[in-house]
C-alpha atoms as a PDB file:
ATOM      1  CA  MET A   1     -14.883  -8.441  12.830  1.00  0.00           C
ATOM      2  CA  ASN A   2     -11.648  -7.312  11.202  1.00  0.00           C
ATOM      3  CA  GLN A   3      -9.765  -5.854  14.190  1.00  0.00           C
ATOM      4  CA  LYS A   4      -7.798  -3.349  12.133  1.00  0.00           C
ATOM      5  CA  ILE A   5     -10.934  -1.927  10.518  1.00  0.00           C
ATOM      6  CA  GLN A   6     -12.675  -1.867  13.885  1.00  0.00           C
ATOM      7  CA  TYR A   7      -9.788   0.085  15.417  1.00  0.00           C
ATOM      8  CA  LEU A   8      -9.825   2.498  12.476  1.00  0.00           C
ATOM      9  CA  ARG A   9     -13.552   3.079  12.948  1.00  0.00           C
ATOM     10  CA  GLU A  10     -12.939   3.917  16.602  1.00  0.00           C
ATOM     11  CA  LYS A  11     -10.272   6.445  15.625  1.00  0.00           C
ATOM     12  CA  LEU A  12     -12.609   7.997  13.045  1.00  0.00           C
ATOM     13  CA  LYS A  13     -15.391   8.257  15.603  1.00  0.00           C
ATOM     14  CA  LEU A  14     -13.107  10.341  17.828  1.00  0.00           C
ATOM     15  CA  LYS A  15     -12.697  12.723  14.895  1.00  0.00           C
ATOM     16  CA  ASN A  16     -16.472  12.856  14.356  1.00  0.00           C
ATOM     17  CA  ILE A  17     -16.102  11.065  11.028  1.00  0.00           C
ATOM     18  CA  ASP A  18     -18.931   8.682  10.080  1.00  0.00           C
ATOM     19  CA  GLY A  19     -17.326   6.876   7.130  1.00  0.00           C
ATOM     20  CA  MET A  20     -14.229   6.812   4.965  1.00  0.00           C
ATOM     21  CA  ILE A  21     -13.153   6.326   1.354  1.00  0.00           C
ATOM     22  CA  ILE A  22      -9.805   4.516   1.208  1.00  0.00           C
ATOM     23  CA  SER A  23      -7.950   4.554  -2.101  1.00  0.00           C
ATOM     24  CA  ASN A  24      -4.310   4.065  -1.102  1.00  0.00           C
ATOM     25  CA  PRO A  25      -3.469   0.451  -2.107  1.00  0.00           C
ATOM     26  CA  ASN A  26      -0.935   0.161   0.736  1.00  0.00           C
ATOM     27  CA  ASN A  27      -3.608   1.042   3.281  1.00  0.00           C
ATOM     28  CA  ILE A  28      -6.118  -1.305   1.668  1.00  0.00           C
ATOM     29  CA  LEU A  29      -3.531  -4.087   1.830  1.00  0.00           C
ATOM     30  CA  TYR A  30      -2.879  -3.328   5.499  1.00  0.00           C
ATOM     31  CA  LEU A  31      -6.563  -3.415   6.409  1.00  0.00           C
ATOM     32  CA  THR A  32      -7.695  -6.351   4.270  1.00  0.00           C
ATOM     33  CA  ASN A  33      -4.661  -8.285   2.925  1.00  0.00           C
ATOM     34  CA  LEU A  34      -6.000  -7.622  -0.567  1.00  0.00           C
ATOM     35  CA  HIS A  35      -3.539  -7.212  -3.438  1.00  0.00           C
ATOM     36  CA  ALA A  36      -6.074  -5.681  -5.793  1.00  0.00           C
ATOM     37  CA  GLU A  37      -7.025  -2.425  -7.442  1.00  0.00           C
ATOM     38  CA  GLY A  38     -10.125  -0.877  -5.973  1.00  0.00           C
ATOM     39  CA  MET A  39     -11.679   1.339  -3.344  1.00  0.00           C
ATOM     40  CA  LEU A  40     -12.478   0.408   0.252  1.00  0.00           C
ATOM     41  CA  LEU A  41     -15.583   2.122   1.592  1.00  0.00           C
ATOM     42  CA  LEU A  42     -16.338   2.273   5.299  1.00  0.00           C
ATOM     43  CA  THR A  43     -19.990   3.273   5.330  1.00  0.00           C
ATOM     44  CA  LYS A  44     -22.266   3.733   8.337  1.00  0.00           C
ATOM     45  CA  LYS A  45     -22.897  -0.007   8.696  1.00  0.00           C
ATOM     46  CA  GLU A  46     -20.797  -1.873   6.123  1.00  0.00           C
ATOM     47  CA  ASN A  47     -17.284  -2.309   4.768  1.00  0.00           C
ATOM     48  CA  ILE A  48     -17.362  -2.555   0.979  1.00  0.00           C
ATOM     49  CA  PHE A  49     -14.447  -3.220  -1.353  1.00  0.00           C
ATOM     50  CA  LEU A  50     -15.258  -2.009  -4.861  1.00  0.00           C
ATOM     51  CA  THR A  51     -13.173  -3.604  -7.575  1.00  0.00           C
ATOM     52  CA  ASP A  52     -13.586  -5.055 -11.069  1.00  0.00           C
ATOM     53  CA  SER A  53     -13.936  -8.539 -12.513  1.00  0.00           C
ATOM     54  CA  ARG A  54     -10.159  -9.080 -12.715  1.00  0.00           C
ATOM     55  CA  TYR A  55      -9.857  -9.208  -8.921  1.00  0.00           C
ATOM     56  CA  ILE A  56     -13.234 -10.507  -7.731  1.00  0.00           C
ATOM     57  CA  GLU A  57     -12.254 -14.177  -7.464  1.00  0.00           C
ATOM     58  CA  ASP A  58      -8.954 -13.547  -5.706  1.00  0.00           C
ATOM     59  CA  ALA A  59     -10.566 -11.033  -3.340  1.00  0.00           C
ATOM     60  CA  ASN A  60     -13.301 -13.502  -2.399  1.00  0.00           C
ATOM     61  CA  ASN A  61     -10.640 -16.130  -1.701  1.00  0.00           C
ATOM     62  CA  THR A  62      -8.708 -13.712   0.532  1.00  0.00           C
ATOM     63  CA  ILE A  63     -11.523 -12.192   2.563  1.00  0.00           C
ATOM     64  CA  THR A  64     -13.000 -14.372   5.304  1.00  0.00           C
ATOM     65  CA  ILE A  65     -16.452 -14.213   6.890  1.00  0.00           C
ATOM     66  CA  SER A  66     -14.963 -12.746  10.059  1.00  0.00           C
ATOM     67  CA  ASP A  67     -13.509  -9.824   8.078  1.00  0.00           C
ATOM     68  CA  GLU A  68     -17.051  -8.603   7.350  1.00  0.00           C
ATOM     69  CA  VAL A  69     -15.953  -6.994   4.091  1.00  0.00           C
ATOM     70  CA  ILE A  70     -18.317  -7.129   1.122  1.00  0.00           C
ATOM     71  CA  ILE A  71     -16.571  -7.697  -2.228  1.00  0.00           C
ATOM     72  CA  ALA A  72     -18.459  -5.884  -4.981  1.00  0.00           C
ATOM     73  CA  ASN A  73     -18.018  -5.458  -8.719  1.00  0.00           C
ATOM     74  CA  VAL A  74     -18.204  -1.827  -9.815  1.00  0.00           C
ATOM     75  CA  ARG A  75     -20.200  -2.906 -12.879  1.00  0.00           C
ATOM     76  CA  ASP A  76     -23.041  -4.063 -10.635  1.00  0.00           C
ATOM     77  CA  TYR A  77     -23.784  -0.505  -9.503  1.00  0.00           C
ATOM     78  CA  ILE A  78     -25.490   2.429 -11.164  1.00  0.00           C
ATOM     79  CA  PRO A  79     -24.754   6.103 -10.322  1.00  0.00           C
ATOM     80  CA  ASP A  80     -27.638   6.300  -7.832  1.00  0.00           C
ATOM     81  CA  ASP A  81     -26.116   3.414  -5.842  1.00  0.00           C
ATOM     82  CA  TYR A  82     -22.926   5.390  -5.239  1.00  0.00           C
ATOM     83  CA  GLU A  83     -24.926   8.278  -3.846  1.00  0.00           C
ATOM     84  CA  ASN A  84     -26.563   5.926  -1.326  1.00  0.00           C
ATOM     85  CA  PHE A  85     -23.325   4.607   0.199  1.00  0.00           C
ATOM     86  CA  PHE A  86     -22.830   7.604   2.478  1.00  0.00           C
ATOM     87  CA  MET A  87     -26.410   8.868   2.641  1.00  0.00           C
ATOM     88  CA  PHE A  88     -26.452   8.768   6.447  1.00  0.00           C
ATOM     89  CA  CYS A  89     -22.914  10.049   6.973  1.00  0.00           C
ATOM     90  CA  GLU A  90     -22.449  13.689   7.879  1.00  0.00           C
ATOM     91  CA  ASN A  91     -18.642  13.633   7.535  1.00  0.00           C
ATOM     92  CA  VAL A  92     -16.755  11.241   5.248  1.00  0.00           C
ATOM     93  CA  GLY A  93     -12.993  10.915   5.549  1.00  0.00           C
ATOM     94  CA  ILE A  94     -10.583  10.898   2.633  1.00  0.00           C
ATOM     95  CA  GLU A  95      -6.853  10.263   2.291  1.00  0.00           C
ATOM     96  CA  GLU A  96      -5.953  13.824   1.394  1.00  0.00           C
ATOM     97  CA  ASN A  97      -2.257  13.060   0.856  1.00  0.00           C
ATOM     98  CA  HIS A  98      -3.025  10.314  -1.642  1.00  0.00           C
ATOM     99  CA  LEU A  99      -5.527  12.151  -3.845  1.00  0.00           C
ATOM    100  CA  THR A 100      -5.011  14.575  -6.678  1.00  0.00           C
ATOM    101  CA  TYR A 101      -7.444  17.466  -6.955  1.00  0.00           C
ATOM    102  CA  ALA A 102      -9.057  15.734  -9.954  1.00  0.00           C
ATOM    103  CA  GLN A 103      -9.574  12.549  -7.903  1.00  0.00           C
ATOM    104  CA  TYR A 104     -11.029  14.599  -5.049  1.00  0.00           C
ATOM    105  CA  GLN A 105     -13.519  16.207  -7.431  1.00  0.00           C
ATOM    106  CA  ASN A 106     -14.432  12.820  -8.885  1.00  0.00           C
ATOM    107  CA  ILE A 107     -15.146  11.434  -5.393  1.00  0.00           C
ATOM    108  CA  GLN A 108     -17.315  14.452  -4.634  1.00  0.00           C
ATOM    109  CA  TYR A 109     -19.236  14.019  -7.871  1.00  0.00           C
ATOM    110  CA  THR A 110     -19.609  10.227  -7.582  1.00  0.00           C
ATOM    111  CA  TYR A 111     -20.558   9.778  -3.930  1.00  0.00           C
ATOM    112  CA  LYS A 112     -22.359  13.106  -3.305  1.00  0.00           C
ATOM    113  CA  CYS A 113     -21.045  13.194   0.275  1.00  0.00           C
ATOM    114  CA  ASN A 114     -22.309  15.939   2.577  1.00  0.00           C
ATOM    115  CA  ASN A 115     -18.822  16.836   3.745  1.00  0.00           C
ATOM    116  CA  LEU A 116     -15.460  15.332   2.765  1.00  0.00           C
ATOM    117  CA  VAL A 117     -12.906  15.798   5.535  1.00  0.00           C
ATOM    118  CA  GLU A 118      -9.183  15.174   5.854  1.00  0.00           C
ATOM    119  CA  THR A 119      -8.194  12.252   8.088  1.00  0.00           C
ATOM    120  CA  GLU A 120      -4.653  13.482   8.791  1.00  0.00           C
ATOM    121  CA  ASN A 121      -2.924  10.183   7.939  1.00  0.00           C
ATOM    122  CA  VAL A 122      -4.990   8.273  10.498  1.00  0.00           C
ATOM    123  CA  ILE A 123      -4.270   4.885   8.870  1.00  0.00           C
ATOM    124  CA  GLU A 124      -0.557   5.580   8.530  1.00  0.00           C
ATOM    125  CA  LYS A 125      -0.413   6.435  12.232  1.00  0.00           C
ATOM    126  CA  ILE A 126      -2.132   3.136  13.066  1.00  0.00           C
ATOM    127  CA  ARG A 127       0.282   1.271  10.784  1.00  0.00           C
ATOM    128  CA  ALA A 128       3.236   2.734  12.686  1.00  0.00           C
ATOM    129  CA  ILE A 129       2.300   0.589  15.708  1.00  0.00           C
ATOM    130  CA  LYS A 130       3.285  -2.972  14.826  1.00  0.00           C
ATOM    131  CA  ASP A 131       1.514  -6.074  16.097  1.00  0.00           C
ATOM    132  CA  GLU A 132       3.230  -9.407  16.775  1.00  0.00           C
ATOM    133  CA  GLU A 133       2.689 -10.716  13.246  1.00  0.00           C
ATOM    134  CA  GLU A 134       4.155  -7.583  11.701  1.00  0.00           C
ATOM    135  CA  ILE A 135       7.146  -7.683  14.045  1.00  0.00           C
ATOM    136  CA  GLU A 136       7.784 -11.301  13.032  1.00  0.00           C
ATOM    137  CA  ASN A 137       7.582 -10.332   9.349  1.00  0.00           C
ATOM    138  CA  ILE A 138      10.105  -7.536   9.920  1.00  0.00           C
ATOM    139  CA  ARG A 139      12.404 -10.030  11.669  1.00  0.00           C
ATOM    140  CA  LYS A 140      12.153 -12.429   8.701  1.00  0.00           C
ATOM    141  CA  ALA A 141      12.829  -9.587   6.263  1.00  0.00           C
ATOM    142  CA  CYS A 142      15.981  -8.659   8.196  1.00  0.00           C
ATOM    143  CA  GLU A 143      17.158 -12.279   8.110  1.00  0.00           C
ATOM    144  CA  ILE A 144      16.653 -12.483   4.341  1.00  0.00           C
ATOM    145  CA  THR A 145      18.502  -9.180   3.891  1.00  0.00           C
ATOM    146  CA  ASP A 146      21.482 -10.434   5.924  1.00  0.00           C
ATOM    147  CA  LYS A 147      21.612 -13.655   3.891  1.00  0.00           C
ATOM    148  CA  CYS A 148      21.406 -11.669   0.663  1.00  0.00           C
ATOM    149  CA  PHE A 149      24.369  -9.532   1.722  1.00  0.00           C
ATOM    150  CA  GLU A 150      26.404 -12.652   2.505  1.00  0.00           C
ATOM    151  CA  HIS A 151      25.458 -14.086  -0.880  1.00  0.00           C
ATOM    152  CA  LEU A 152      26.544 -10.925  -2.684  1.00  0.00           C
ATOM    153  CA  LEU A 153      30.003 -11.098  -1.128  1.00  0.00           C
ATOM    154  CA  THR A 154      30.626 -14.217  -3.208  1.00  0.00           C
ATOM    155  CA  PHE A 155      28.536 -13.165  -6.222  1.00  0.00           C
ATOM    156  CA  ILE A 156      30.146  -9.804  -6.972  1.00  0.00           C
ATOM    157  CA  LYS A 157      33.240 -10.179  -9.120  1.00  0.00           C
ATOM    158  CA  LYS A 158      35.294  -7.864 -11.248  1.00  0.00           C
ATOM    159  CA  GLY A 159      33.396  -7.105 -14.428  1.00  0.00           C
ATOM    160  CA  LYS A 160      29.902  -7.621 -13.000  1.00  0.00           C
ATOM    161  CA  LYS A 161      27.451  -4.995 -14.184  1.00  0.00           C
ATOM    162  CA  GLU A 162      25.415  -3.005 -11.682  1.00  0.00           C
ATOM    163  CA  LYS A 163      22.154  -4.052 -13.351  1.00  0.00           C
ATOM    164  CA  ASP A 164      23.130  -7.730 -13.042  1.00  0.00           C
ATOM    165  CA  ILE A 165      23.806  -7.305  -9.332  1.00  0.00           C
ATOM    166  CA  GLY A 166      20.470  -5.534  -8.901  1.00  0.00           C
ATOM    167  CA  PHE A 167      18.693  -8.388 -10.668  1.00  0.00           C
ATOM    168  CA  GLU A 168      20.490 -10.907  -8.442  1.00  0.00           C
ATOM    169  CA  ILE A 169      19.328  -9.064  -5.326  1.00  0.00           C
ATOM    170  CA  GLU A 170      15.683  -9.174  -6.449  1.00  0.00           C
ATOM    171  CA  SER A 171      15.963 -12.840  -7.444  1.00  0.00           C
ATOM    172  CA  PHE A 172      17.552 -13.800  -4.132  1.00  0.00           C
ATOM    173  CA  PHE A 173      14.796 -12.117  -2.133  1.00  0.00           C
ATOM    174  CA  ARG A 174      12.007 -13.805  -4.085  1.00  0.00           C
ATOM    175  CA  LYS A 175      13.679 -17.222  -3.966  1.00  0.00           C
ATOM    176  CA  ASN A 176      14.112 -16.950  -0.210  1.00  0.00           C
ATOM    177  CA  GLY A 177      10.575 -16.127   0.883  1.00  0.00           C
ATOM    178  CA  ALA A 178      10.017 -12.440   0.122  1.00  0.00           C
ATOM    179  CA  GLU A 179       6.785 -11.471  -1.640  1.00  0.00           C
ATOM    180  CA  ASP A 180       8.473  -8.487  -3.253  1.00  0.00           C
ATOM    181  CA  VAL A 181      11.147  -5.863  -2.691  1.00  0.00           C
ATOM    182  CA  ALA A 182      10.215  -2.575  -1.015  1.00  0.00           C
ATOM    183  CA  PHE A 183      11.932  -0.648  -3.809  1.00  0.00           C
ATOM    184  CA  LYS A 184      14.216  -1.317  -6.751  1.00  0.00           C
ATOM    185  CA  PRO A 185      17.723  -2.198  -5.517  1.00  0.00           C
ATOM    186  CA  ILE A 186      20.187   0.665  -5.814  1.00  0.00           C
ATOM    187  CA  VAL A 187      23.585  -0.647  -6.864  1.00  0.00           C
ATOM    188  CA  ALA A 188      26.477   1.741  -7.338  1.00  0.00           C
ATOM    189  CA  SER A 189      30.207   1.246  -7.711  1.00  0.00           C
ATOM    190  CA  ARG A 190      33.099   3.636  -7.606  1.00  0.00           C
ATOM    191  CA  THR A 191      35.924   3.640 -10.108  1.00  0.00           C
ATOM    192  CA  LYS A 192      39.189   5.400  -9.397  1.00  0.00           C
ATOM    193  CA  PHE A 193      40.280   7.832 -12.058  1.00  0.00           C
ATOM    194  CA  PHE A 194      43.908   8.840 -12.365  1.00  0.00           C
ATOM    195  CA  LYS A 195      44.488  12.330 -13.640  1.00  0.00           C
ATOM    196  CA  THR A 196      47.766  13.228 -15.237  1.00  0.00           C
ATOM    197  CA  THR A 197      48.724  16.870 -15.293  1.00  0.00           C
ATOM    198  CA  CYS A 198      51.385  18.237 -17.540  1.00  0.00           C
ATOM    199  CA  ASN A 199      53.169  21.469 -16.798  1.00  0.00           C
ATOM    200  CA  ASP A 200      54.535  23.208 -19.790  1.00  0.00           C
ATOM    201  CA  ASN A 201      57.276  25.730 -19.313  1.00  0.00           C
ATOM    202  CA  LYS A 202      56.289  28.982 -20.852  1.00  0.00           C
END
């Protein structure tokens, strides 16, 4: 079984939580390696990723049998099906810091859960502890960043625009093995202004 999901289930059990609705795409990516829009449901017995037809094929190619995650198209379900997902769950966890009040109400209406409870960033706390693969990825990211800095020392010339430098940073990262940048590069330069003051004799 997916070890990360298994560990999460153990943490939820300690909180007396029977299932969880995961909507944060960063947490879904962490747990499943899926780059797709959707909702990950940890029910009493199953792990279900609800998505739409745009992502079904890619999701099926990403998820392995050992992950034990069911890929499902939202169009294949009727309202009654959603009510059945958590029928045997007394407490269902939500990502309270990722939901608006409107989204919270929609979850309540759609899944008819007995009791929605806050999970207090349980996944984020798990993510803070890095495994060997994650540590290696961080090491590679640092190496690419160092190489990018060295590259910029020769790329930046007088007259270069900040937006061009930002674009070069993104391009360098992607060309050298990065899937994406964590955030848009922030490029700023400082120009010296000379102020002339004139004293008039009055």
